[in-house]
Amino acid sequence: MAKFEHHVFVCTNVREPGSARPSCTSDGKGPLHTLFKDEIRDAGIKATVRANKAGCLDQCEHGPTVVVYPEAVWYGFVQPGDVVEIVREHLVNGRPVERLMLPDGCINTARCMHRQV
């Protein structure tokens, strides 16, 4: 089998109620991973794109969070209705979905407009 061209990591991390930071899912499942897998299959790119469940991606304030490699495009606040657009535009046509991309200043930083310190 050929190498995958893209890996889509979908955060499925769950935090305890009352935690200082939010969770990307409430049950560790969430619909996004399944929706990505289904849409990747329906787009005919299953042989070259892999959707993976991920633990905490440390972008909790931006959740649900999805990151696409090898480009390292980080998507935040992803909702089920966004999955088709990410797959069709980014994974099929090579155009990241700018409206969902996290600003570089928010990724792996102690402060950003979404993080309350």
PDB file of N, CA and C in Angstrom:
ATOM      1  N   MET A   1       0.846  -1.179   0.000  1.00  0.00           N
ATOM      2  CA  MET A   1       0.000   0.000   0.000  1.00  0.00           C
ATOM      3  C   MET A   1       0.894   1.246   0.000  1.00  0.00           C
ATOM      4  N   ALA A   2       0.516   2.220  -0.764  1.00  0.00           N
ATOM      5  CA  ALA A   2       1.254   3.474  -0.836  1.00  0.00           C
ATOM      6  C   ALA A   2       1.117   4.261   0.463  1.00  0.00           C
ATOM      7  N   LYS A   3       2.038   5.171   0.681  1.00  0.00           N
ATOM      8  CA  LYS A   3       1.960   6.035   1.859  1.00  0.00           C
ATOM      9  C   LYS A   3       0.745   6.948   1.747  1.00  0.00           C
ATOM     10  N   PHE A   4       0.224   7.332   2.910  1.00  0.00           N
ATOM     11  CA  PHE A   4      -0.875   8.288   2.915  1.00  0.00           C
ATOM     12  C   PHE A   4      -0.353   9.670   2.558  1.00  0.00           C
ATOM     13  N   GLU A   5      -1.131  10.412   1.795  1.00  0.00           N
ATOM     14  CA  GLU A   5      -0.769  11.787   1.444  1.00  0.00           C
ATOM     15  C   GLU A   5      -1.141  12.754   2.559  1.00  0.00           C
ATOM     16  N   HIS A   6      -2.194  12.427   3.298  1.00  0.00           N
ATOM     17  CA  HIS A   6      -2.654  13.277   4.397  1.00  0.00           C
ATOM     18  C   HIS A   6      -3.074  12.417   5.586  1.00  0.00           C
ATOM     19  N   HIS A   7      -2.848  12.957   6.758  1.00  0.00           N
ATOM     20  CA  HIS A   7      -3.404  12.422   7.989  1.00  0.00           C
ATOM     21  C   HIS A   7      -4.240  13.526   8.607  1.00  0.00           C
ATOM     22  N   VAL A   8      -5.469  13.193   8.971  1.00  0.00           N
ATOM     23  CA  VAL A   8      -6.380  14.127   9.619  1.00  0.00           C
ATOM     24  C   VAL A   8      -6.532  13.661  11.058  1.00  0.00           C
ATOM     25  N   PHE A   9      -6.052  14.472  11.994  1.00  0.00           N
ATOM     26  CA  PHE A   9      -6.148  14.130  13.413  1.00  0.00           C
ATOM     27  C   PHE A   9      -7.305  14.907  14.021  1.00  0.00           C
ATOM     28  N   VAL A  10      -8.260  14.182  14.587  1.00  0.00           N
ATOM     29  CA  VAL A  10      -9.460  14.761  15.173  1.00  0.00           C
ATOM     30  C   VAL A  10      -9.383  14.586  16.681  1.00  0.00           C
ATOM     31  N   CYS A  11      -9.359  15.685  17.416  1.00  0.00           N
ATOM     32  CA  CYS A  11      -9.283  15.591  18.871  1.00  0.00           C
ATOM     33  C   CYS A  11     -10.566  14.973  19.425  1.00  0.00           C
ATOM     34  N   THR A  12     -10.380  13.961  20.262  1.00  0.00           N
ATOM     35  CA  THR A  12     -11.524  13.330  20.937  1.00  0.00           C
ATOM     36  C   THR A  12     -11.307  13.343  22.452  1.00  0.00           C
ATOM     37  N   ASN A  13     -10.484  14.269  22.912  1.00  0.00           N
ATOM     38  CA  ASN A  13     -10.158  14.345  24.333  1.00  0.00           C
ATOM     39  C   ASN A  13     -11.367  14.759  25.178  1.00  0.00           C
ATOM     40  N   VAL A  14     -11.448  14.158  26.351  1.00  0.00           N
ATOM     41  CA  VAL A  14     -12.506  14.483  27.321  1.00  0.00           C
ATOM     42  C   VAL A  14     -11.839  14.936  28.610  1.00  0.00           C
ATOM     43  N   ARG A  15     -12.289  16.047  29.136  1.00  0.00           N
ATOM     44  CA  ARG A  15     -11.807  16.531  30.431  1.00  0.00           C
ATOM     45  C   ARG A  15     -12.919  16.346  31.459  1.00  0.00           C
ATOM     46  N   GLU A  16     -12.513  16.276  32.710  1.00  0.00           N
ATOM     47  CA  GLU A  16     -13.471  16.157  33.802  1.00  0.00           C
ATOM     48  C   GLU A  16     -14.346  17.409  33.875  1.00  0.00           C
ATOM     49  N   PRO A  17     -15.611  17.260  34.267  1.00  0.00           N
ATOM     50  CA  PRO A  17     -16.454  18.434  34.477  1.00  0.00           C
ATOM     51  C   PRO A  17     -15.783  19.391  35.465  1.00  0.00           C
ATOM     52  N   GLY A  18     -15.857  20.676  35.162  1.00  0.00           N
ATOM     53  CA  GLY A  18     -15.262  21.681  36.025  1.00  0.00           C
ATOM     54  C   GLY A  18     -13.790  21.938  35.767  1.00  0.00           C
ATOM     55  N   SER A  19     -13.214  21.285  34.762  1.00  0.00           N
ATOM     56  CA  SER A  19     -11.806  21.513  34.427  1.00  0.00           C
ATOM     57  C   SER A  19     -11.594  22.952  33.978  1.00  0.00           C
ATOM     58  N   ALA A  20     -10.364  23.415  34.147  1.00  0.00           N
ATOM     59  CA  ALA A  20     -10.024  24.789  33.768  1.00  0.00           C
ATOM     60  C   ALA A  20     -10.098  25.007  32.261  1.00  0.00           C
ATOM     61  N   ARG A  21      -9.917  23.937  31.503  1.00  0.00           N
ATOM     62  CA  ARG A  21      -9.951  24.049  30.041  1.00  0.00           C
ATOM     63  C   ARG A  21     -11.083  23.170  29.508  1.00  0.00           C
ATOM     64  N   PRO A  22     -11.664  23.561  28.378  1.00  0.00           N
ATOM     65  CA  PRO A  22     -12.779  22.790  27.819  1.00  0.00           C
ATOM     66  C   PRO A  22     -12.319  21.497  27.144  1.00  0.00           C
ATOM     67  N   SER A  23     -13.284  20.643  26.817  1.00  0.00           N
ATOM     68  CA  SER A  23     -13.042  19.400  26.085  1.00  0.00           C
ATOM     69  C   SER A  23     -13.460  19.572  24.636  1.00  0.00           C
ATOM     70  N   CYS A  24     -12.839  18.783  23.763  1.00  0.00           N
ATOM     71  CA  CYS A  24     -13.276  18.773  22.364  1.00  0.00           C
ATOM     72  C   CYS A  24     -14.520  17.907  22.185  1.00  0.00           C
ATOM     73  N   THR A  25     -14.702  16.918  23.076  1.00  0.00           N
ATOM     74  CA  THR A  25     -15.907  16.087  23.050  1.00  0.00           C
ATOM     75  C   THR A  25     -16.371  15.861  24.482  1.00  0.00           C
ATOM     76  N   SER A  26     -17.602  15.491  24.611  1.00  0.00           N
ATOM     77  CA  SER A  26     -18.123  15.210  25.946  1.00  0.00           C
ATOM     78  C   SER A  26     -18.026  13.734  26.300  1.00  0.00           C
ATOM     79  N   ASP A  27     -17.846  12.874  25.268  1.00  0.00           N
ATOM     80  CA  ASP A  27     -17.879  11.438  25.512  1.00  0.00           C
ATOM     81  C   ASP A  27     -16.683  10.670  24.943  1.00  0.00           C
ATOM     82  N   GLY A  28     -15.712  11.392  24.369  1.00  0.00           N
ATOM     83  CA  GLY A  28     -14.564  10.716  23.789  1.00  0.00           C
ATOM     84  C   GLY A  28     -14.825  10.149  22.412  1.00  0.00           C
ATOM     85  N   LYS A  29     -16.030  10.300  21.936  1.00  0.00           N
ATOM     86  CA  LYS A  29     -16.384   9.799  20.608  1.00  0.00           C
ATOM     87  C   LYS A  29     -16.579  10.983  19.673  1.00  0.00           C
ATOM     88  N   GLY A  30     -17.655  11.740  19.892  1.00  0.00           N
ATOM     89  CA  GLY A  30     -17.940  12.869  19.032  1.00  0.00           C
ATOM     90  C   GLY A  30     -18.197  12.408  17.603  1.00  0.00           C
ATOM     91  N   PRO A  31     -18.954  13.156  16.869  1.00  0.00           N
ATOM     92  CA  PRO A  31     -19.295  12.744  15.507  1.00  0.00           C
ATOM     93  C   PRO A  31     -18.225  13.063  14.466  1.00  0.00           C
ATOM     94  N   LEU A  32     -17.285  13.934  14.770  1.00  0.00           N
ATOM     95  CA  LEU A  32     -16.377  14.418  13.729  1.00  0.00           C
ATOM     96  C   LEU A  32     -15.508  13.321  13.114  1.00  0.00           C
ATOM     97  N   HIS A  33     -14.932  12.463  13.928  1.00  0.00           N
ATOM     98  CA  HIS A  33     -14.064  11.420  13.385  1.00  0.00           C
ATOM     99  C   HIS A  33     -14.827  10.536  12.405  1.00  0.00           C
ATOM    100  N   THR A  34     -15.999  10.086  12.798  1.00  0.00           N
ATOM    101  CA  THR A  34     -16.817   9.242  11.916  1.00  0.00           C
ATOM    102  C   THR A  34     -17.208   9.986  10.653  1.00  0.00           C
ATOM    103  N   LEU A  35     -17.575  11.249  10.790  1.00  0.00           N
ATOM    104  CA  LEU A  35     -17.943  12.037   9.610  1.00  0.00           C
ATOM    105  C   LEU A  35     -16.764  12.198   8.657  1.00  0.00           C
ATOM    106  N   PHE A  36     -15.572  12.443   9.194  1.00  0.00           N
ATOM    107  CA  PHE A  36     -14.391  12.538   8.330  1.00  0.00           C
ATOM    108  C   PHE A  36     -14.153  11.221   7.602  1.00  0.00           C
ATOM    109  N   LYS A  37     -14.214  10.109   8.320  1.00  0.00           N
ATOM    110  CA  LYS A  37     -14.003   8.813   7.676  1.00  0.00           C
ATOM    111  C   LYS A  37     -15.013   8.581   6.555  1.00  0.00           C
ATOM    112  N   ASP A  38     -16.278   8.881   6.829  1.00  0.00           N
ATOM    113  CA  ASP A  38     -17.325   8.678   5.820  1.00  0.00           C
ATOM    114  C   ASP A  38     -17.125   9.584   4.612  1.00  0.00           C
ATOM    115  N   GLU A  39     -16.807  10.823   4.856  1.00  0.00           N
ATOM    116  CA  GLU A  39     -16.654  11.775   3.751  1.00  0.00           C
ATOM    117  C   GLU A  39     -15.404  11.475   2.923  1.00  0.00           C
ATOM    118  N   ILE A  40     -14.336  11.042   3.587  1.00  0.00           N
ATOM    119  CA  ILE A  40     -13.121  10.645   2.871  1.00  0.00           C
ATOM    120  C   ILE A  40     -13.426   9.455   1.962  1.00  0.00           C
ATOM    121  N   ARG A  41     -14.166   8.501   2.481  1.00  0.00           N
ATOM    122  CA  ARG A  41     -14.580   7.345   1.666  1.00  0.00           C
ATOM    123  C   ARG A  41     -15.434   7.796   0.485  1.00  0.00           C
ATOM    124  N   ASP A  42     -16.439   8.644   0.771  1.00  0.00           N
ATOM    125  CA  ASP A  42     -17.350   9.096  -0.282  1.00  0.00           C
ATOM    126  C   ASP A  42     -16.642   9.926  -1.351  1.00  0.00           C
ATOM    127  N   ALA A  43     -15.569  10.613  -0.971  1.00  0.00           N
ATOM    128  CA  ALA A  43     -14.810  11.425  -1.925  1.00  0.00           C
ATOM    129  C   ALA A  43     -13.847  10.571  -2.747  1.00  0.00           C
ATOM    130  N   GLY A  44     -13.734   9.287  -2.413  1.00  0.00           N
ATOM    131  CA  GLY A  44     -12.876   8.392  -3.174  1.00  0.00           C
ATOM    132  C   GLY A  44     -11.396   8.541  -2.886  1.00  0.00           C
ATOM    133  N   ILE A  45     -11.055   9.057  -1.689  1.00  0.00           N
ATOM    134  CA  ILE A  45      -9.643   9.286  -1.366  1.00  0.00           C
ATOM    135  C   ILE A  45      -9.184   8.443  -0.168  1.00  0.00           C
ATOM    136  N   LYS A  46      -9.930   7.415   0.154  1.00  0.00           N
ATOM    137  CA  LYS A  46      -9.619   6.577   1.317  1.00  0.00           C
ATOM    138  C   LYS A  46      -8.235   5.936   1.225  1.00  0.00           C
ATOM    139  N   ALA A  47      -7.757   5.650   0.048  1.00  0.00           N
ATOM    140  CA  ALA A  47      -6.451   5.008  -0.105  1.00  0.00           C
ATOM    141  C   ALA A  47      -5.295   5.953   0.194  1.00  0.00           C
ATOM    142  N   THR A  48      -5.544   7.263   0.164  1.00  0.00           N
ATOM    143  CA  THR A  48      -4.460   8.231   0.339  1.00  0.00           C
ATOM    144  C   THR A  48      -4.636   9.172   1.522  1.00  0.00           C
ATOM    145  N   VAL A  49      -5.786   9.119   2.191  1.00  0.00           N
ATOM    146  CA  VAL A  49      -6.058  10.004   3.327  1.00  0.00           C
ATOM    147  C   VAL A  49      -6.546   9.165   4.490  1.00  0.00           C
ATOM    148  N   ARG A  50      -5.986   9.424   5.659  1.00  0.00           N
ATOM    149  CA  ARG A  50      -6.353   8.676   6.864  1.00  0.00           C
ATOM    150  C   ARG A  50      -6.884   9.618   7.923  1.00  0.00           C
ATOM    151  N   ALA A  51      -8.083   9.362   8.425  1.00  0.00           N
ATOM    152  CA  ALA A  51      -8.648  10.115   9.549  1.00  0.00           C
ATOM    153  C   ALA A  51      -8.345   9.346  10.828  1.00  0.00           C
ATOM    154  N   ASN A  52      -7.728  10.020  11.789  1.00  0.00           N
ATOM    155  CA  ASN A  52      -7.302   9.401  13.032  1.00  0.00           C
ATOM    156  C   ASN A  52      -7.926  10.099  14.228  1.00  0.00           C
ATOM    157  N   LYS A  53      -8.325   9.325  15.227  1.00  0.00           N
ATOM    158  CA  LYS A  53      -8.704   9.905  16.509  1.00  0.00           C
ATOM    159  C   LYS A  53      -7.424  10.339  17.202  1.00  0.00           C
ATOM    160  N   ALA A  54      -7.479  11.474  17.862  1.00  0.00           N
ATOM    161  CA  ALA A  54      -6.321  11.961  18.609  1.00  0.00           C
ATOM    162  C   ALA A  54      -6.737  12.257  20.037  1.00  0.00           C
ATOM    163  N   GLY A  55      -5.783  12.080  20.939  1.00  0.00           N
ATOM    164  CA  GLY A  55      -5.969  12.566  22.296  1.00  0.00           C
ATOM    165  C   GLY A  55      -5.834  14.080  22.269  1.00  0.00           C
ATOM    166  N   CYS A  56      -5.543  14.658  23.384  1.00  0.00           N
ATOM    167  CA  CYS A  56      -5.463  16.111  23.482  1.00  0.00           C
ATOM    168  C   CYS A  56      -4.413  16.667  22.525  1.00  0.00           C
ATOM    169  N   LEU A  57      -4.819  17.636  21.725  1.00  0.00           N
ATOM    170  CA  LEU A  57      -3.919  18.343  20.823  1.00  0.00           C
ATOM    171  C   LEU A  57      -3.462  19.660  21.449  1.00  0.00           C
ATOM    172  N   ASP A  58      -3.842  19.886  22.700  1.00  0.00           N
ATOM    173  CA  ASP A  58      -3.476  21.075  23.476  1.00  0.00           C
ATOM    174  C   ASP A  58      -3.952  22.375  22.847  1.00  0.00           C
ATOM    175  N   GLN A  59      -5.081  22.311  22.207  1.00  0.00           N
ATOM    176  CA  GLN A  59      -5.724  23.501  21.640  1.00  0.00           C
ATOM    177  C   GLN A  59      -7.170  23.566  22.144  1.00  0.00           C
ATOM    178  N   CYS A  60      -7.339  23.263  23.421  1.00  0.00           N
ATOM    179  CA  CYS A  60      -8.660  23.052  24.014  1.00  0.00           C
ATOM    180  C   CYS A  60      -9.619  24.226  23.817  1.00  0.00           C
ATOM    181  N   GLU A  61      -9.108  25.430  23.898  1.00  0.00           N
ATOM    182  CA  GLU A  61      -9.967  26.607  23.743  1.00  0.00           C
ATOM    183  C   GLU A  61     -10.475  26.776  22.314  1.00  0.00           C
ATOM    184  N   HIS A  62      -9.922  26.012  21.399  1.00  0.00           N
ATOM    185  CA  HIS A  62     -10.294  26.111  19.990  1.00  0.00           C
ATOM    186  C   HIS A  62     -11.115  24.916  19.529  1.00  0.00           C
ATOM    187  N   GLY A  63     -11.538  24.096  20.465  1.00  0.00           N
ATOM    188  CA  GLY A  63     -12.174  22.836  20.109  1.00  0.00           C
ATOM    189  C   GLY A  63     -13.601  22.950  19.655  1.00  0.00           C
ATOM    190  N   PRO A  64     -14.029  21.963  18.956  1.00  0.00           N
ATOM    191  CA  PRO A  64     -13.292  20.800  18.501  1.00  0.00           C
ATOM    192  C   PRO A  64     -12.187  21.190  17.510  1.00  0.00           C
ATOM    193  N   THR A  65     -11.042  20.535  17.676  1.00  0.00           N
ATOM    194  CA  THR A  65      -9.856  20.847  16.899  1.00  0.00           C
ATOM    195  C   THR A  65      -9.507  19.693  15.977  1.00  0.00           C
ATOM    196  N   VAL A  66      -9.057  20.061  14.767  1.00  0.00           N
ATOM    197  CA  VAL A  66      -8.622  19.103  13.756  1.00  0.00           C
ATOM    198  C   VAL A  66      -7.328  19.639  13.161  1.00  0.00           C
ATOM    199  N   VAL A  67      -6.347  18.756  12.937  1.00  0.00           N
ATOM    200  CA  VAL A  67      -5.112  19.170  12.271  1.00  0.00           C
ATOM    201  C   VAL A  67      -4.840  18.221  11.118  1.00  0.00           C
ATOM    202  N   VAL A  68      -4.439  18.808   9.984  1.00  0.00           N
ATOM    203  CA  VAL A  68      -4.153  18.030   8.778  1.00  0.00           C
ATOM    204  C   VAL A  68      -2.657  18.098   8.503  1.00  0.00           C
ATOM    205  N   TYR A  69      -2.060  16.905   8.402  1.00  0.00           N
ATOM    206  CA  TYR A  69      -0.632  16.795   8.063  1.00  0.00           C
ATOM    207  C   TYR A  69      -0.508  16.119   6.715  1.00  0.00           C
ATOM    208  N   PRO A  70       0.527  16.466   5.927  1.00  0.00           N
ATOM    209  CA  PRO A  70       1.779  17.054   6.359  1.00  0.00           C
ATOM    210  C   PRO A  70       1.813  18.578   6.371  1.00  0.00           C
ATOM    211  N   GLU A  71       0.752  19.235   5.955  1.00  0.00           N
ATOM    212  CA  GLU A  71       0.786  20.697   5.893  1.00  0.00           C
ATOM    213  C   GLU A  71       0.743  21.375   7.257  1.00  0.00           C
ATOM    214  N   ALA A  72       0.336  20.657   8.295  1.00  0.00           N
ATOM    215  CA  ALA A  72       0.157  21.215   9.634  1.00  0.00           C
ATOM    216  C   ALA A  72      -0.842  22.369   9.615  1.00  0.00           C
ATOM    217  N   VAL A  73      -1.966  22.130   8.973  1.00  0.00           N
ATOM    218  CA  VAL A  73      -3.059  23.105   8.960  1.00  0.00           C
ATOM    219  C   VAL A  73      -3.972  22.778  10.132  1.00  0.00           C
ATOM    220  N   TRP A  74      -4.106  23.750  11.030  1.00  0.00           N
ATOM    221  CA  TRP A  74      -4.919  23.582  12.240  1.00  0.00           C
ATOM    222  C   TRP A  74      -6.272  24.240  12.028  1.00  0.00           C
ATOM    223  N   TYR A  75      -7.324  23.455  12.269  1.00  0.00           N
ATOM    224  CA  TYR A  75      -8.687  23.958  12.191  1.00  0.00           C
ATOM    225  C   TYR A  75      -9.273  23.985  13.595  1.00  0.00           C
ATOM    226  N   GLY A  76      -9.992  25.058  13.897  1.00  0.00           N
ATOM    227  CA  GLY A  76     -10.619  25.176  15.198  1.00  0.00           C
ATOM    228  C   GLY A  76     -12.112  25.384  15.097  1.00  0.00           C
ATOM    229  N   PHE A  77     -12.792  25.045  16.178  1.00  0.00           N
ATOM    230  CA  PHE A  77     -14.242  25.220  16.284  1.00  0.00           C
ATOM    231  C   PHE A  77     -14.965  24.455  15.176  1.00  0.00           C
ATOM    232  N   VAL A  78     -14.433  23.297  14.798  1.00  0.00           N
ATOM    233  CA  VAL A  78     -14.977  22.509  13.697  1.00  0.00           C
ATOM    234  C   VAL A  78     -16.296  21.875  14.124  1.00  0.00           C
ATOM    235  N   GLN A  79     -17.281  22.047  13.281  1.00  0.00           N
ATOM    236  CA  GLN A  79     -18.609  21.489  13.514  1.00  0.00           C
ATOM    237  C   GLN A  79     -18.904  20.431  12.454  1.00  0.00           C
ATOM    238  N   PRO A  80     -19.859  19.545  12.726  1.00  0.00           N
ATOM    239  CA  PRO A  80     -20.171  18.499  11.745  1.00  0.00           C
ATOM    240  C   PRO A  80     -20.411  19.034  10.329  1.00  0.00           C
ATOM    241  N   GLY A  81     -21.059  20.174  10.216  1.00  0.00           N
ATOM    242  CA  GLY A  81     -21.331  20.752   8.900  1.00  0.00           C
ATOM    243  C   GLY A  81     -20.102  21.243   8.158  1.00  0.00           C
ATOM    244  N   ASP A  82     -18.954  21.321   8.829  1.00  0.00           N
ATOM    245  CA  ASP A  82     -17.711  21.780   8.201  1.00  0.00           C
ATOM    246  C   ASP A  82     -16.923  20.647   7.556  1.00  0.00           C
ATOM    247  N   VAL A  83     -17.239  19.417   7.880  1.00  0.00           N
ATOM    248  CA  VAL A  83     -16.430  18.279   7.445  1.00  0.00           C
ATOM    249  C   VAL A  83     -16.405  18.152   5.926  1.00  0.00           C
ATOM    250  N   VAL A  84     -17.545  18.248   5.279  1.00  0.00           N
ATOM    251  CA  VAL A  84     -17.596  18.123   3.820  1.00  0.00           C
ATOM    252  C   VAL A  84     -16.707  19.185   3.175  1.00  0.00           C
ATOM    253  N   GLU A  85     -16.769  20.405   3.669  1.00  0.00           N
ATOM    254  CA  GLU A  85     -15.964  21.487   3.094  1.00  0.00           C
ATOM    255  C   GLU A  85     -14.467  21.227   3.270  1.00  0.00           C
ATOM    256  N   ILE A  86     -14.057  20.766   4.448  1.00  0.00           N
ATOM    257  CA  ILE A  86     -12.635  20.476   4.678  1.00  0.00           C
ATOM    258  C   ILE A  86     -12.169  19.359   3.747  1.00  0.00           C
ATOM    259  N   VAL A  87     -12.954  18.306   3.633  1.00  0.00           N
ATOM    260  CA  VAL A  87     -12.559  17.193   2.766  1.00  0.00           C
ATOM    261  C   VAL A  87     -12.524  17.629   1.311  1.00  0.00           C
ATOM    262  N   ARG A  88     -13.563  18.255   0.839  1.00  0.00           N
ATOM    263  CA  ARG A  88     -13.643  18.631  -0.589  1.00  0.00           C
ATOM    264  C   ARG A  88     -12.620  19.704  -0.956  1.00  0.00           C
ATOM    265  N   GLU A  89     -12.545  20.745  -0.144  1.00  0.00           N
ATOM    266  CA  GLU A  89     -11.639  21.852  -0.482  1.00  0.00           C
ATOM    267  C   GLU A  89     -10.186  21.533  -0.178  1.00  0.00           C
ATOM    268  N   HIS A  90      -9.902  21.096   1.027  1.00  0.00           N
ATOM    269  CA  HIS A  90      -8.513  20.885   1.425  1.00  0.00           C
ATOM    270  C   HIS A  90      -7.954  19.570   0.892  1.00  0.00           C
ATOM    271  N   LEU A  91      -8.621  18.476   1.219  1.00  0.00           N
ATOM    272  CA  LEU A  91      -8.049  17.167   0.919  1.00  0.00           C
ATOM    273  C   LEU A  91      -8.179  16.766  -0.549  1.00  0.00           C
ATOM    274  N   VAL A  92      -9.241  17.178  -1.197  1.00  0.00           N
ATOM    275  CA  VAL A  92      -9.417  16.841  -2.620  1.00  0.00           C
ATOM    276  C   VAL A  92      -8.782  17.910  -3.510  1.00  0.00           C
ATOM    277  N   ASN A  93      -9.057  19.180  -3.222  1.00  0.00           N
ATOM    278  CA  ASN A  93      -8.622  20.262  -4.114  1.00  0.00           C
ATOM    279  C   ASN A  93      -7.367  21.002  -3.668  1.00  0.00           C
ATOM    280  N   GLY A  94      -6.842  20.675  -2.494  1.00  0.00           N
ATOM    281  CA  GLY A  94      -5.590  21.277  -2.053  1.00  0.00           C
ATOM    282  C   GLY A  94      -5.686  22.709  -1.577  1.00  0.00           C
ATOM    283  N   ARG A  95      -6.894  23.153  -1.213  1.00  0.00           N
ATOM    284  CA  ARG A  95      -7.094  24.529  -0.749  1.00  0.00           C
ATOM    285  C   ARG A  95      -7.605  24.507   0.692  1.00  0.00           C
ATOM    286  N   PRO A  96      -6.738  24.778   1.671  1.00  0.00           N
ATOM    287  CA  PRO A  96      -7.205  24.810   3.058  1.00  0.00           C
ATOM    288  C   PRO A  96      -8.386  25.774   3.227  1.00  0.00           C
ATOM    289  N   VAL A  97      -9.256  25.459   4.156  1.00  0.00           N
ATOM    290  CA  VAL A  97     -10.455  26.253   4.413  1.00  0.00           C
ATOM    291  C   VAL A  97     -10.078  27.373   5.379  1.00  0.00           C
ATOM    292  N   GLU A  98      -9.806  28.543   4.833  1.00  0.00           N
ATOM    293  CA  GLU A  98      -9.280  29.654   5.620  1.00  0.00           C
ATOM    294  C   GLU A  98     -10.187  30.079   6.763  1.00  0.00           C
ATOM    295  N   ARG A  99     -11.483  30.034   6.573  1.00  0.00           N
ATOM    296  CA  ARG A  99     -12.401  30.516   7.616  1.00  0.00           C
ATOM    297  C   ARG A  99     -12.335  29.670   8.885  1.00  0.00           C
ATOM    298  N   LEU A 100     -11.832  28.445   8.776  1.00  0.00           N
ATOM    299  CA  LEU A 100     -11.736  27.549   9.930  1.00  0.00           C
ATOM    300  C   LEU A 100     -10.312  27.429  10.477  1.00  0.00           C
ATOM    301  N   MET A 101      -9.348  27.976   9.763  1.00  0.00           N
ATOM    302  CA  MET A 101      -7.946  27.852  10.189  1.00  0.00           C
ATOM    303  C   MET A 101      -7.684  28.688  11.430  1.00  0.00           C
ATOM    304  N   LEU A 102      -6.941  28.108  12.364  1.00  0.00           N
ATOM    305  CA  LEU A 102      -6.533  28.849  13.549  1.00  0.00           C
ATOM    306  C   LEU A 102      -5.391  29.786  13.175  1.00  0.00           C
ATOM    307  N   PRO A 103      -5.405  31.007  13.702  1.00  0.00           N
ATOM    308  CA  PRO A 103      -4.279  31.913  13.440  1.00  0.00           C
ATOM    309  C   PRO A 103      -2.995  31.332  14.027  1.00  0.00           C
ATOM    310  N   ASP A 104      -1.876  31.555  13.341  1.00  0.00           N
ATOM    311  CA  ASP A 104      -0.587  31.052  13.830  1.00  0.00           C
ATOM    312  C   ASP A 104      -0.319  31.496  15.263  1.00  0.00           C
ATOM    313  N   GLY A 105      -0.760  32.695  15.618  1.00  0.00           N
ATOM    314  CA  GLY A 105      -0.529  33.220  16.961  1.00  0.00           C
ATOM    315  C   GLY A 105      -1.312  32.511  18.050  1.00  0.00           C
ATOM    316  N   CYS A 106      -2.207  31.621  17.672  1.00  0.00           N
ATOM    317  CA  CYS A 106      -3.000  30.868  18.654  1.00  0.00           C
ATOM    318  C   CYS A 106      -2.494  29.451  18.869  1.00  0.00           C
ATOM    319  N   ILE A 107      -1.624  28.969  18.017  1.00  0.00           N
ATOM    320  CA  ILE A 107      -1.190  27.586  18.087  1.00  0.00           C
ATOM    321  C   ILE A 107       0.064  27.468  18.953  1.00  0.00           C
ATOM    322  N   ASN A 108      -0.053  26.640  19.985  1.00  0.00           N
ATOM    323  CA  ASN A 108       1.062  26.375  20.897  1.00  0.00           C
ATOM    324  C   ASN A 108       1.628  27.635  21.533  1.00  0.00           C
ATOM    325  N   THR A 109       0.743  28.521  21.923  1.00  0.00           N
ATOM    326  CA  THR A 109       1.143  29.730  22.627  1.00  0.00           C
ATOM    327  C   THR A 109       0.404  29.804  23.967  1.00  0.00           C
ATOM    328  N   ALA A 110       0.987  30.503  24.889  1.00  0.00           N
ATOM    329  CA  ALA A 110       0.374  30.643  26.201  1.00  0.00           C
ATOM    330  C   ALA A 110      -0.825  31.582  26.160  1.00  0.00           C
ATOM    331  N   ARG A 111      -0.841  32.478  25.206  1.00  0.00           N
ATOM    332  CA  ARG A 111      -1.921  33.456  25.121  1.00  0.00           C
ATOM    333  C   ARG A 111      -2.420  33.593  23.682  1.00  0.00           C
ATOM    334  N   CYS A 112      -3.707  33.687  23.549  1.00  0.00           N
ATOM    335  CA  CYS A 112      -4.328  34.059  22.275  1.00  0.00           C
ATOM    336  C   CYS A 112      -5.706  34.587  22.617  1.00  0.00           C
ATOM    337  N   MET A 113      -6.396  35.085  21.628  1.00  0.00           N
ATOM    338  CA  MET A 113      -7.693  35.714  21.872  1.00  0.00           C
ATOM    339  C   MET A 113      -8.726  34.751  22.435  1.00  0.00           C
ATOM    340  N   HIS A 114      -8.526  33.442  22.286  1.00  0.00           N
ATOM    341  CA  HIS A 114      -9.486  32.459  22.763  1.00  0.00           C
ATOM    342  C   HIS A 114      -9.176  31.909  24.143  1.00  0.00           C
ATOM    343  N   ARG A 115      -7.951  32.088  24.574  1.00  0.00           N
ATOM    344  CA  ARG A 115      -7.500  31.485  25.843  1.00  0.00           C
ATOM    345  C   ARG A 115      -7.673  32.476  26.967  1.00  0.00           C
ATOM    346  N   GLN A 116      -8.316  32.028  28.018  1.00  0.00           N
ATOM    347  CA  GLN A 116      -8.466  32.849  29.213  1.00  0.00           C
ATOM    348  C   GLN A 116      -7.452  32.371  30.238  1.00  0.00           C
ATOM    349  N   VAL A 117      -6.589  33.276  30.624  1.00  0.00           N
ATOM    350  CA  VAL A 117      -5.518  32.896  31.561  1.00  0.00           C
ATOM    351  C   VAL A 117      -5.889  33.309  32.959  1.00  0.00           C
TER     352      VAL A 117
END
